[in-house]
N, C-alpha and C. Protein backbone atom coordinates (compact mmCIF):
# COMPACT_ATOMS: atom_id res chain seq x y z
N MET A 1 60.55 -31.91 46.90
CA MET A 1 59.31 -32.27 46.24
C MET A 1 59.05 -33.76 46.47
N SER A 2 57.87 -34.08 46.95
CA SER A 2 57.54 -35.48 47.23
C SER A 2 56.84 -36.10 46.01
N LEU A 3 57.01 -37.39 45.90
CA LEU A 3 56.40 -38.14 44.81
C LEU A 3 54.99 -38.55 45.23
N GLU A 4 54.02 -38.21 44.40
CA GLU A 4 52.64 -38.58 44.70
C GLU A 4 52.35 -39.94 44.06
N THR A 5 51.84 -40.86 44.86
CA THR A 5 51.50 -42.18 44.34
C THR A 5 50.01 -42.45 44.54
N LYS A 6 49.50 -43.34 43.74
CA LYS A 6 48.10 -43.75 43.84
C LYS A 6 48.08 -45.27 43.95
N PRO A 7 47.10 -45.81 44.66
CA PRO A 7 46.99 -47.28 44.74
C PRO A 7 46.73 -47.87 43.36
N PHE A 8 47.31 -49.02 43.10
CA PHE A 8 47.09 -49.70 41.83
C PHE A 8 45.67 -50.24 41.80
N GLU A 9 45.00 -50.03 40.68
CA GLU A 9 43.63 -50.51 40.52
C GLU A 9 43.62 -51.68 39.53
N PHE A 10 43.44 -52.87 40.06
CA PHE A 10 43.32 -54.04 39.20
C PHE A 10 42.09 -53.90 38.32
N ALA A 11 42.16 -54.40 37.13
CA ALA A 11 41.03 -54.50 36.20
C ALA A 11 40.44 -53.16 35.78
N LYS A 12 41.16 -52.08 36.02
CA LYS A 12 40.65 -50.75 35.71
C LYS A 12 40.30 -50.62 34.23
N ASP A 13 41.14 -51.13 33.36
CA ASP A 13 40.93 -50.98 31.92
C ASP A 13 40.48 -52.27 31.24
N VAL A 14 39.94 -53.20 32.00
CA VAL A 14 39.41 -54.45 31.45
C VAL A 14 37.95 -54.18 31.07
N ASP A 15 37.72 -53.90 29.79
CA ASP A 15 36.39 -53.45 29.38
C ASP A 15 35.66 -54.44 28.48
N SER A 16 36.32 -54.93 27.45
CA SER A 16 35.63 -55.79 26.49
C SER A 16 35.37 -57.17 27.07
N ALA A 17 34.41 -57.87 26.49
CA ALA A 17 34.09 -59.22 26.94
C ALA A 17 35.31 -60.14 26.79
N GLU A 18 36.05 -59.95 25.72
CA GLU A 18 37.24 -60.76 25.50
C GLU A 18 38.28 -60.51 26.59
N ASP A 19 38.44 -59.25 26.98
CA ASP A 19 39.40 -58.90 28.04
C ASP A 19 38.98 -59.49 29.38
N VAL A 20 37.69 -59.43 29.69
CA VAL A 20 37.18 -59.99 30.94
C VAL A 20 37.42 -61.49 30.98
N ALA A 21 37.09 -62.17 29.88
CA ALA A 21 37.29 -63.62 29.81
C ALA A 21 38.76 -63.98 29.97
N LEU A 22 39.64 -63.27 29.30
CA LEU A 22 41.07 -63.53 29.40
C LEU A 22 41.58 -63.24 30.82
N TYR A 23 41.13 -62.15 31.39
CA TYR A 23 41.52 -61.75 32.75
C TYR A 23 41.18 -62.87 33.75
N LEU A 24 39.93 -63.33 33.72
CA LEU A 24 39.50 -64.37 34.64
C LEU A 24 40.21 -65.69 34.36
N SER A 25 40.41 -66.01 33.10
CA SER A 25 41.10 -67.26 32.73
C SER A 25 42.53 -67.28 33.25
N ILE A 26 43.22 -66.17 33.13
CA ILE A 26 44.61 -66.10 33.60
C ILE A 26 44.66 -66.22 35.12
N PHE A 27 43.79 -65.50 35.82
CA PHE A 27 43.77 -65.60 37.28
C PHE A 27 43.46 -67.02 37.74
N LEU A 28 42.51 -67.67 37.07
CA LEU A 28 42.14 -69.05 37.41
C LEU A 28 43.30 -70.00 37.12
N GLU A 29 43.90 -69.87 35.96
CA GLU A 29 45.00 -70.76 35.58
C GLU A 29 46.20 -70.61 36.50
N GLU A 30 46.53 -69.38 36.88
CA GLU A 30 47.73 -69.15 37.68
C GLU A 30 47.55 -69.43 39.16
N ASN A 31 46.32 -69.24 39.68
CA ASN A 31 46.12 -69.34 41.12
C ASN A 31 44.91 -70.17 41.52
N GLY A 32 44.37 -70.95 40.62
CA GLY A 32 43.25 -71.82 40.95
C GLY A 32 42.00 -71.07 41.36
N VAL A 33 41.22 -71.69 42.20
CA VAL A 33 39.94 -71.11 42.62
C VAL A 33 40.14 -69.77 43.32
N GLN A 34 41.16 -69.67 44.17
CA GLN A 34 41.40 -68.38 44.84
C GLN A 34 41.74 -67.30 43.82
N GLY A 35 42.43 -67.66 42.76
CA GLY A 35 42.71 -66.71 41.69
C GLY A 35 41.44 -66.24 41.01
N LEU A 36 40.51 -67.17 40.77
CA LEU A 36 39.23 -66.80 40.17
C LEU A 36 38.49 -65.83 41.08
N ILE A 37 38.47 -66.11 42.38
CA ILE A 37 37.80 -65.23 43.33
C ILE A 37 38.46 -63.85 43.34
N ASP A 38 39.79 -63.83 43.32
CA ASP A 38 40.51 -62.55 43.27
C ASP A 38 40.16 -61.77 42.00
N GLY A 39 40.15 -62.46 40.86
CA GLY A 39 39.80 -61.81 39.60
C GLY A 39 38.38 -61.26 39.62
N LEU A 40 37.46 -62.04 40.16
CA LEU A 40 36.08 -61.57 40.27
C LEU A 40 35.99 -60.34 41.17
N ARG A 41 36.76 -60.35 42.27
CA ARG A 41 36.77 -59.19 43.18
C ARG A 41 37.26 -57.94 42.44
N HIS A 42 38.37 -58.08 41.70
CA HIS A 42 38.92 -56.93 40.97
C HIS A 42 37.91 -56.38 39.97
N LEU A 43 37.28 -57.30 39.23
CA LEU A 43 36.30 -56.86 38.22
C LEU A 43 35.07 -56.23 38.86
N ALA A 44 34.60 -56.81 39.95
CA ALA A 44 33.43 -56.25 40.63
C ALA A 44 33.73 -54.85 41.16
N LYS A 45 34.92 -54.65 41.70
CA LYS A 45 35.29 -53.31 42.18
C LYS A 45 35.39 -52.33 41.02
N ALA A 46 35.99 -52.77 39.92
CA ALA A 46 36.17 -51.89 38.76
C ALA A 46 34.83 -51.52 38.13
N LYS A 47 33.89 -52.45 38.12
CA LYS A 47 32.61 -52.21 37.47
C LYS A 47 31.54 -51.70 38.44
N GLY A 48 31.86 -51.69 39.71
CA GLY A 48 30.94 -51.20 40.73
C GLY A 48 30.28 -52.35 41.48
N MET A 49 30.64 -52.49 42.75
CA MET A 49 30.11 -53.59 43.57
C MET A 49 28.59 -53.57 43.63
N SER A 50 28.01 -52.38 43.76
CA SER A 50 26.55 -52.29 43.86
C SER A 50 25.88 -52.79 42.59
N ALA A 51 26.43 -52.41 41.44
CA ALA A 51 25.85 -52.84 40.17
C ALA A 51 25.97 -54.35 40.00
N ILE A 52 27.14 -54.91 40.33
CA ILE A 52 27.34 -56.35 40.20
C ILE A 52 26.42 -57.09 41.17
N ALA A 53 26.34 -56.61 42.41
CA ALA A 53 25.46 -57.24 43.40
C ALA A 53 24.02 -57.24 42.91
N ASN A 54 23.59 -56.10 42.40
CA ASN A 54 22.22 -55.98 41.90
C ASN A 54 21.98 -56.95 40.73
N ASN A 55 22.89 -56.98 39.78
CA ASN A 55 22.75 -57.88 38.62
C ASN A 55 22.83 -59.35 39.02
N ALA A 56 23.58 -59.64 40.07
CA ALA A 56 23.74 -61.02 40.53
C ALA A 56 22.60 -61.45 41.45
N GLY A 57 21.83 -60.48 41.92
CA GLY A 57 20.73 -60.80 42.83
C GLY A 57 21.20 -61.14 44.23
N VAL A 58 22.31 -60.52 44.63
CA VAL A 58 22.84 -60.74 45.98
C VAL A 58 22.97 -59.40 46.70
N ASN A 59 23.01 -59.46 48.00
CA ASN A 59 23.20 -58.28 48.83
C ASN A 59 24.62 -57.76 48.64
N ARG A 60 24.79 -56.44 48.56
CA ARG A 60 26.11 -55.85 48.35
C ARG A 60 27.10 -56.25 49.44
N GLN A 61 26.65 -56.23 50.69
CA GLN A 61 27.53 -56.62 51.80
C GLN A 61 27.93 -58.08 51.70
N SER A 62 27.00 -58.91 51.28
CA SER A 62 27.28 -60.32 51.09
C SER A 62 28.31 -60.52 49.97
N LEU A 63 28.20 -59.72 48.92
CA LEU A 63 29.16 -59.79 47.82
C LEU A 63 30.55 -59.42 48.31
N TYR A 64 30.65 -58.34 49.09
CA TYR A 64 31.95 -57.95 49.66
C TYR A 64 32.54 -59.08 50.49
N ARG A 65 31.71 -59.69 51.36
CA ARG A 65 32.20 -60.79 52.21
C ARG A 65 32.62 -61.99 51.38
N SER A 66 31.84 -62.32 50.38
CA SER A 66 32.15 -63.48 49.55
C SER A 66 33.46 -63.31 48.79
N LEU A 67 33.72 -62.10 48.32
CA LEU A 67 34.91 -61.86 47.51
C LEU A 67 36.11 -61.34 48.31
N ALA A 68 35.96 -61.23 49.62
CA ALA A 68 37.07 -60.78 50.46
C ALA A 68 38.23 -61.77 50.40
N LYS A 69 39.41 -61.33 50.78
CA LYS A 69 40.60 -62.19 50.77
C LYS A 69 40.35 -63.49 51.52
N ASN A 70 39.65 -63.42 52.63
CA ASN A 70 39.37 -64.63 53.41
C ASN A 70 37.97 -65.18 53.16
N GLY A 71 37.31 -64.66 52.12
CA GLY A 71 35.97 -65.12 51.78
C GLY A 71 36.00 -66.53 51.20
N ASN A 72 34.89 -67.21 51.34
CA ASN A 72 34.77 -68.57 50.82
C ASN A 72 33.40 -68.71 50.17
N PRO A 73 33.23 -68.09 48.98
CA PRO A 73 31.90 -68.09 48.37
C PRO A 73 31.47 -69.47 47.90
N LYS A 74 30.17 -69.70 47.96
CA LYS A 74 29.60 -70.93 47.43
C LYS A 74 29.69 -70.87 45.90
N ILE A 75 29.67 -72.04 45.28
CA ILE A 75 29.71 -72.10 43.82
C ILE A 75 28.52 -71.36 43.22
N GLU A 76 27.38 -71.38 43.91
CA GLU A 76 26.20 -70.67 43.44
C GLU A 76 26.45 -69.17 43.37
N THR A 77 27.16 -68.64 44.36
CA THR A 77 27.48 -67.22 44.39
C THR A 77 28.45 -66.87 43.27
N ILE A 78 29.46 -67.70 43.09
CA ILE A 78 30.42 -67.48 42.00
C ILE A 78 29.68 -67.48 40.66
N ASP A 79 28.78 -68.44 40.48
CA ASP A 79 28.01 -68.53 39.25
C ASP A 79 27.18 -67.27 39.02
N LYS A 80 26.55 -66.76 40.06
CA LYS A 80 25.75 -65.54 39.94
C LYS A 80 26.61 -64.35 39.55
N ILE A 81 27.80 -64.25 40.13
CA ILE A 81 28.70 -63.14 39.81
C ILE A 81 29.18 -63.25 38.37
N VAL A 82 29.55 -64.45 37.96
CA VAL A 82 29.99 -64.67 36.59
C VAL A 82 28.87 -64.29 35.61
N HIS A 83 27.64 -64.68 35.92
CA HIS A 83 26.50 -64.32 35.08
C HIS A 83 26.29 -62.81 35.07
N ALA A 84 26.47 -62.16 36.21
CA ALA A 84 26.29 -60.70 36.29
C ALA A 84 27.31 -59.98 35.40
N LEU A 85 28.46 -60.62 35.18
CA LEU A 85 29.48 -60.06 34.30
C LEU A 85 29.23 -60.41 32.83
N GLY A 86 28.19 -61.22 32.59
CA GLY A 86 27.83 -61.56 31.22
C GLY A 86 28.44 -62.85 30.71
N PHE A 87 28.81 -63.75 31.61
CA PHE A 87 29.45 -65.01 31.24
C PHE A 87 28.75 -66.18 31.90
N LYS A 88 29.19 -67.38 31.56
CA LYS A 88 28.69 -68.58 32.22
C LYS A 88 29.86 -69.49 32.52
N LEU A 89 29.71 -70.28 33.56
CA LEU A 89 30.73 -71.25 33.91
C LEU A 89 30.57 -72.48 33.01
N THR A 90 31.67 -73.01 32.56
CA THR A 90 31.64 -74.22 31.75
C THR A 90 32.76 -75.17 32.18
N ILE A 91 32.59 -76.42 31.81
CA ILE A 91 33.60 -77.42 32.08
C ILE A 91 34.10 -77.92 30.73
N GLU A 92 35.40 -78.05 30.59
CA GLU A 92 35.92 -78.60 29.34
C GLU A 92 36.97 -79.66 29.65
N LYS A 93 37.10 -80.59 28.73
CA LYS A 93 38.04 -81.68 28.88
C LYS A 93 39.46 -81.15 28.77
N LEU A 94 40.34 -81.68 29.62
CA LEU A 94 41.75 -81.28 29.57
C LEU A 94 42.44 -81.82 28.35
């Protein structure tokens, strides 16, 4: 009998606004800007790339490219994605 495995789905159960904020904060804190991009990619996939692209006002293919492992999104694109998730970027004193 063989063991059936499934790929791990990041952010699958990240539903509440508090969970999303904590998820992105941890990724950003642990891995900097690339961590934030990775977290945004996981959330966009979990919530539906087409829906996030539509809410962000960007092309779906462009969203995939921006959030790819080797993607380098502009701050404007990151801001649009964050807004599409229902958040805003802020700066706070250390």
